Amino acid sequence: MAKRYWLVKSEPDVYSIDRLEAEGSTSWEGVRNYQARNFMQEMKKGDRVLFYHSNAEPPGVAGIAEVVREAYPDHHAADPKSKYHDPGHSEEKPRWFMVDVGFVERFPEVLPLPLLKGEPALEGMELLRKGSRLSVQPVAKEHFDHVVKLGRGKRR
């Protein structure tokens, strides 16, 4: 199976690329959107992930992660004390899933969303579509490669 590419969003005050770098890996839990959940279920070990800081100033791509564990039931959904609890989720019939991602690389600077929007090579990228709010989304290989090139400081 060919490697796929993704983008995940996190508010840096909740979970940042710096924290991922310090911890090495983390579970990507709490996704409560069906389309984003379905994308997570498609993620395979070794897939590469753009780590996006949302609700930040500026919002943008902060680095690269990698899927290190494929989708498994989100145990937070079964915990009544968790903010991610969902009474419709059960061990027998899980509704929500999570993956584990590992740190790969932090860019020297966050690639701000306005810069990405100005890149003709990124035309059609889901992140740049008006109203795109998914916290987990697929990324075309050519878009992933271009963002990485920009993130490493090779602008144009």
C-alpha atoms as a PDB file:
ATOM      1  CA  MET A   1       0.000   0.000   0.000  1.00  0.00           C
ATOM      2  CA  ALA A   2       1.351   3.412  -0.958  1.00  0.00           C
ATOM      3  CA  LYS A   3       2.146   5.926   1.752  1.00  0.00           C
ATOM      4  CA  ARG A   4      -0.536   8.559   2.230  1.00  0.00           C
ATOM      5  CA  TYR A   5      -0.338  12.089   3.540  1.00  0.00           C
ATOM      6  CA  TRP A   6      -2.510  13.916   6.033  1.00  0.00           C
ATOM      7  CA  LEU A   7      -2.913  17.128   7.974  1.00  0.00           C
ATOM      8  CA  VAL A   8      -4.010  17.262  11.609  1.00  0.00           C
ATOM      9  CA  LYS A   9      -4.979  20.432  13.452  1.00  0.00           C
ATOM     10  CA  SER A  10      -4.337  21.219  17.089  1.00  0.00           C
ATOM     11  CA  GLU A  11      -4.494  24.398  19.081  1.00  0.00           C
ATOM     12  CA  PRO A  12      -0.932  24.947  20.292  1.00  0.00           C
ATOM     13  CA  ASP A  13      -2.087  25.712  23.837  1.00  0.00           C
ATOM     14  CA  VAL A  14      -3.815  22.294  23.881  1.00  0.00           C
ATOM     15  CA  TYR A  15      -1.101  20.257  22.114  1.00  0.00           C
ATOM     16  CA  SER A  16       1.791  21.794  20.164  1.00  0.00           C
ATOM     17  CA  ILE A  17       4.539  20.507  17.908  1.00  0.00           C
ATOM     18  CA  ASP A  18       6.975  21.395  20.711  1.00  0.00           C
ATOM     19  CA  ARG A  19       5.134  19.089  23.089  1.00  0.00           C
ATOM     20  CA  LEU A  20       5.066  16.317  20.479  1.00  0.00           C
ATOM     21  CA  GLU A  21       8.813  16.741  20.026  1.00  0.00           C
ATOM     22  CA  ALA A  22       9.365  16.541  23.795  1.00  0.00           C
ATOM     23  CA  GLU A  23       7.107  13.497  24.265  1.00  0.00           C
ATOM     24  CA  GLY A  24       8.069  11.693  21.051  1.00  0.00           C
ATOM     25  CA  SER A  25       4.554  10.456  20.299  1.00  0.00           C
ATOM     26  CA  THR A  26       0.954  10.888  21.405  1.00  0.00           C
ATOM     27  CA  SER A  27      -2.521   9.528  20.825  1.00  0.00           C
ATOM     28  CA  TRP A  28      -4.646  11.743  18.602  1.00  0.00           C
ATOM     29  CA  GLU A  29      -7.902  11.506  20.498  1.00  0.00           C
ATOM     30  CA  GLY A  30     -11.041  13.551  20.882  1.00  0.00           C
ATOM     31  CA  VAL A  31     -11.973  13.754  17.197  1.00  0.00           C
ATOM     32  CA  ARG A  32     -15.773  14.050  17.160  1.00  0.00           C
ATOM     33  CA  ASN A  33     -16.494  14.653  13.494  1.00  0.00           C
ATOM     34  CA  TYR A  34     -17.550  11.640  11.440  1.00  0.00           C
ATOM     35  CA  GLN A  35     -15.656  12.604   8.288  1.00  0.00           C
ATOM     36  CA  ALA A  36     -12.447  13.290  10.256  1.00  0.00           C
ATOM     37  CA  ARG A  37     -12.963   9.982  12.115  1.00  0.00           C
ATOM     38  CA  ASN A  38     -13.307   8.153   8.802  1.00  0.00           C
ATOM     39  CA  PHE A  39     -10.065   9.704   7.583  1.00  0.00           C
ATOM     40  CA  MET A  40      -8.332   8.574  10.785  1.00  0.00           C
ATOM     41  CA  GLN A  41      -9.530   5.032  10.120  1.00  0.00           C
ATOM     42  CA  GLU A  42      -7.785   5.214   6.727  1.00  0.00           C
ATOM     43  CA  MET A  43      -4.440   6.237   8.241  1.00  0.00           C
ATOM     44  CA  LYS A  44      -1.719   3.597   8.075  1.00  0.00           C
ATOM     45  CA  LYS A  45       1.491   3.206  10.032  1.00  0.00           C
ATOM     46  CA  GLY A  46       4.224   5.195   8.265  1.00  0.00           C
ATOM     47  CA  ASP A  47       1.877   7.748   6.692  1.00  0.00           C
ATOM     48  CA  ARG A  48       3.221  11.294   7.023  1.00  0.00           C
ATOM     49  CA  VAL A  49       1.286  14.082   8.696  1.00  0.00           C
ATOM     50  CA  LEU A  50       1.497  17.873   8.505  1.00  0.00           C
ATOM     51  CA  PHE A  51       1.059  19.219  12.049  1.00  0.00           C
ATOM     52  CA  TYR A  52      -1.058  22.380  11.902  1.00  0.00           C
ATOM     53  CA  HIS A  53      -1.447  24.912  14.708  1.00  0.00           C
ATOM     54  CA  SER A  54      -5.021  26.234  14.601  1.00  0.00           C
ATOM     55  CA  ASN A  55      -6.456  29.136  16.582  1.00  0.00           C
ATOM     56  CA  ALA A  56      -2.935  30.523  16.799  1.00  0.00           C
ATOM     57  CA  GLU A  57      -1.352  33.752  15.721  1.00  0.00           C
ATOM     58  CA  PRO A  58      -0.540  32.985  13.017  1.00  0.00           C
ATOM     59  CA  PRO A  59      -2.259  29.689  12.296  1.00  0.00           C
ATOM     60  CA  GLY A  60      -0.096  27.471  10.150  1.00  0.00           C
ATOM     61  CA  VAL A  61       1.912  24.301   9.599  1.00  0.00           C
ATOM     62  CA  ALA A  62       4.444  23.810  12.381  1.00  0.00           C
ATOM     63  CA  GLY A  63       6.105  20.561  11.341  1.00  0.00           C
ATOM     64  CA  ILE A  64       5.807  16.906  10.415  1.00  0.00           C
ATOM     65  CA  ALA A  65       4.593  13.851  12.305  1.00  0.00           C
ATOM     66  CA  GLU A  66       4.126  10.221  11.329  1.00  0.00           C
ATOM     67  CA  VAL A  67       1.402   7.695  12.058  1.00  0.00           C
ATOM     68  CA  VAL A  68       2.945   5.192  14.491  1.00  0.00           C
ATOM     69  CA  ARG A  69      -0.221   3.276  15.430  1.00  0.00           C
ATOM     70  CA  GLU A  70      -3.284   2.769  13.274  1.00  0.00           C
ATOM     71  CA  ALA A  71      -6.847   3.554  14.361  1.00  0.00           C
ATOM     72  CA  TYR A  72      -8.148   1.983  17.564  1.00  0.00           C
ATOM     73  CA  PRO A  73     -11.183   2.804  19.736  1.00  0.00           C
ATOM     74  CA  ASP A  74     -10.929   6.124  21.584  1.00  0.00           C
ATOM     75  CA  HIS A  75     -11.211   5.060  25.225  1.00  0.00           C
ATOM     76  CA  HIS A  76     -11.935   8.668  26.242  1.00  0.00           C
ATOM     77  CA  ALA A  77     -15.353   8.313  24.603  1.00  0.00           C
ATOM     78  CA  ALA A  78     -16.263   5.566  27.104  1.00  0.00           C
ATOM     79  CA  ASP A  79     -15.104   7.562  30.146  1.00  0.00           C
ATOM     80  CA  PRO A  80     -17.961   9.574  31.731  1.00  0.00           C
ATOM     81  CA  LYS A  81     -15.384  11.893  33.344  1.00  0.00           C
ATOM     82  CA  SER A  82     -13.742  12.791  30.030  1.00  0.00           C
ATOM     83  CA  LYS A  83     -14.679  15.906  28.089  1.00  0.00           C
ATOM     84  CA  TYR A  84     -14.691  13.570  25.062  1.00  0.00           C
ATOM     85  CA  HIS A  85     -17.295  11.206  26.577  1.00  0.00           C
ATOM     86  CA  ASP A  86     -20.020   9.957  24.250  1.00  0.00           C
ATOM     87  CA  PRO A  87     -22.747   7.755  25.756  1.00  0.00           C
ATOM     88  CA  GLY A  88     -23.313   6.213  22.295  1.00  0.00           C
ATOM     89  CA  HIS A  89     -19.757   4.813  22.220  1.00  0.00           C
ATOM     90  CA  SER A  90     -19.168   1.344  23.645  1.00  0.00           C
ATOM     91  CA  GLU A  91     -16.365  -1.219  23.718  1.00  0.00           C
ATOM     92  CA  GLU A  92     -18.553  -3.597  21.684  1.00  0.00           C
ATOM     93  CA  LYS A  93     -19.533  -0.984  19.115  1.00  0.00           C
ATOM     94  CA  PRO A  94     -17.039   1.889  19.160  1.00  0.00           C
ATOM     95  CA  ARG A  95     -18.144   5.101  17.505  1.00  0.00           C
ATOM     96  CA  TRP A  96     -14.897   7.066  17.877  1.00  0.00           C
ATOM     97  CA  PHE A  97     -11.295   6.180  17.123  1.00  0.00           C
ATOM     98  CA  MET A  98      -7.823   7.597  17.584  1.00  0.00           C
ATOM     99  CA  VAL A  99      -4.388   7.051  16.076  1.00  0.00           C
ATOM    100  CA  ASP A 100      -0.933   7.560  17.533  1.00  0.00           C
ATOM    101  CA  VAL A 101       1.426   9.999  15.867  1.00  0.00           C
ATOM    102  CA  GLY A 102       5.143  10.402  16.394  1.00  0.00           C
ATOM    103  CA  PHE A 103       7.371  13.438  16.015  1.00  0.00           C
ATOM    104  CA  VAL A 104       9.412  13.738  12.809  1.00  0.00           C
ATOM    105  CA  GLU A 105      10.429  17.381  12.366  1.00  0.00           C
ATOM    106  CA  ARG A 106       9.636  20.878  13.610  1.00  0.00           C
ATOM    107  CA  PHE A 107       9.964  23.654  11.049  1.00  0.00           C
ATOM    108  CA  PRO A 108      12.193  26.605  12.026  1.00  0.00           C
ATOM    109  CA  GLU A 109       9.104  28.824  11.796  1.00  0.00           C
ATOM    110  CA  VAL A 110       5.386  28.106  11.490  1.00  0.00           C
ATOM    111  CA  LEU A 111       4.295  28.359   7.855  1.00  0.00           C
ATOM    112  CA  PRO A 112       1.460  30.876   8.156  1.00  0.00           C
ATOM    113  CA  LEU A 113      -1.860  30.213   6.473  1.00  0.00           C
ATOM    114  CA  PRO A 114      -1.722  33.443   4.395  1.00  0.00           C
ATOM    115  CA  LEU A 115       1.613  32.320   2.884  1.00  0.00           C
ATOM    116  CA  LEU A 116       0.126  28.914   2.030  1.00  0.00           C
ATOM    117  CA  LYS A 117      -2.922  30.572   0.448  1.00  0.00           C
ATOM    118  CA  GLY A 118      -0.587  32.573  -1.797  1.00  0.00           C
ATOM    119  CA  GLU A 119       1.163  29.483  -3.172  1.00  0.00           C
ATOM    120  CA  PRO A 120      -0.115  28.525  -6.653  1.00  0.00           C
ATOM    121  CA  ALA A 121       1.396  25.034  -6.204  1.00  0.00           C
ATOM    122  CA  LEU A 122      -1.060  24.415  -3.342  1.00  0.00           C
ATOM    123  CA  GLU A 123      -4.192  25.132  -5.370  1.00  0.00           C
ATOM    124  CA  GLY A 124      -6.885  22.585  -4.481  1.00  0.00           C
ATOM    125  CA  MET A 125      -5.407  21.690  -1.084  1.00  0.00           C
ATOM    126  CA  GLU A 126      -8.254  20.889   1.334  1.00  0.00           C
ATOM    127  CA  LEU A 127      -6.849  23.180   4.044  1.00  0.00           C
ATOM    128  CA  LEU A 128      -7.107  26.168   1.715  1.00  0.00           C
ATOM    129  CA  ARG A 129     -10.715  25.581   0.656  1.00  0.00           C
ATOM    130  CA  LYS A 130     -13.167  28.121   1.957  1.00  0.00           C
ATOM    131  CA  GLY A 131     -14.890  26.743   5.029  1.00  0.00           C
ATOM    132  CA  SER A 132     -12.446  23.854   5.515  1.00  0.00           C
ATOM    133  CA  ARG A 133     -12.678  23.052   9.221  1.00  0.00           C
ATOM    134  CA  LEU A 134     -11.840  19.352   9.439  1.00  0.00           C
ATOM    135  CA  SER A 135      -9.274  18.567  12.132  1.00  0.00           C
ATOM    136  CA  VAL A 136      -8.005  15.558  10.130  1.00  0.00           C
ATOM    137  CA  GLN A 137      -7.800  15.730   6.357  1.00  0.00           C
ATOM    138  CA  PRO A 138      -5.991  14.077   3.456  1.00  0.00           C
ATOM    139  CA  VAL A 139      -3.199  15.898   1.635  1.00  0.00           C
ATOM    140  CA  ALA A 140      -2.011  15.141  -1.911  1.00  0.00           C
ATOM    141  CA  LYS A 141       1.645  14.060  -2.086  1.00  0.00           C
ATOM    142  CA  GLU A 142       2.583  17.040  -4.260  1.00  0.00           C
ATOM    143  CA  HIS A 143       0.997  19.440  -1.753  1.00  0.00           C
ATOM    144  CA  PHE A 144       2.709  17.680   1.164  1.00  0.00           C
ATOM    145  CA  ASP A 145       6.100  17.854  -0.594  1.00  0.00           C
ATOM    146  CA  HIS A 146       5.650  21.546  -1.408  1.00  0.00           C
ATOM    147  CA  VAL A 147       4.667  22.448   2.163  1.00  0.00           C
ATOM    148  CA  VAL A 148       7.699  20.540   3.496  1.00  0.00           C
ATOM    149  CA  LYS A 149       9.977  22.382   1.065  1.00  0.00           C
ATOM    150  CA  LEU A 150       8.544  25.700   2.253  1.00  0.00           C
ATOM    151  CA  GLY A 151       8.788  24.649   5.887  1.00  0.00           C
ATOM    152  CA  ARG A 152      12.463  23.852   5.516  1.00  0.00           C
ATOM    153  CA  GLY A 153      13.060  27.387   4.270  1.00  0.00           C
ATOM    154  CA  LYS A 154      13.204  26.756   0.545  1.00  0.00           C
ATOM    155  CA  ARG A 155      10.720  29.422  -0.424  1.00  0.00           C
ATOM    156  CA  ARG A 156      10.184  29.537  -4.172  1.00  0.00           C
END
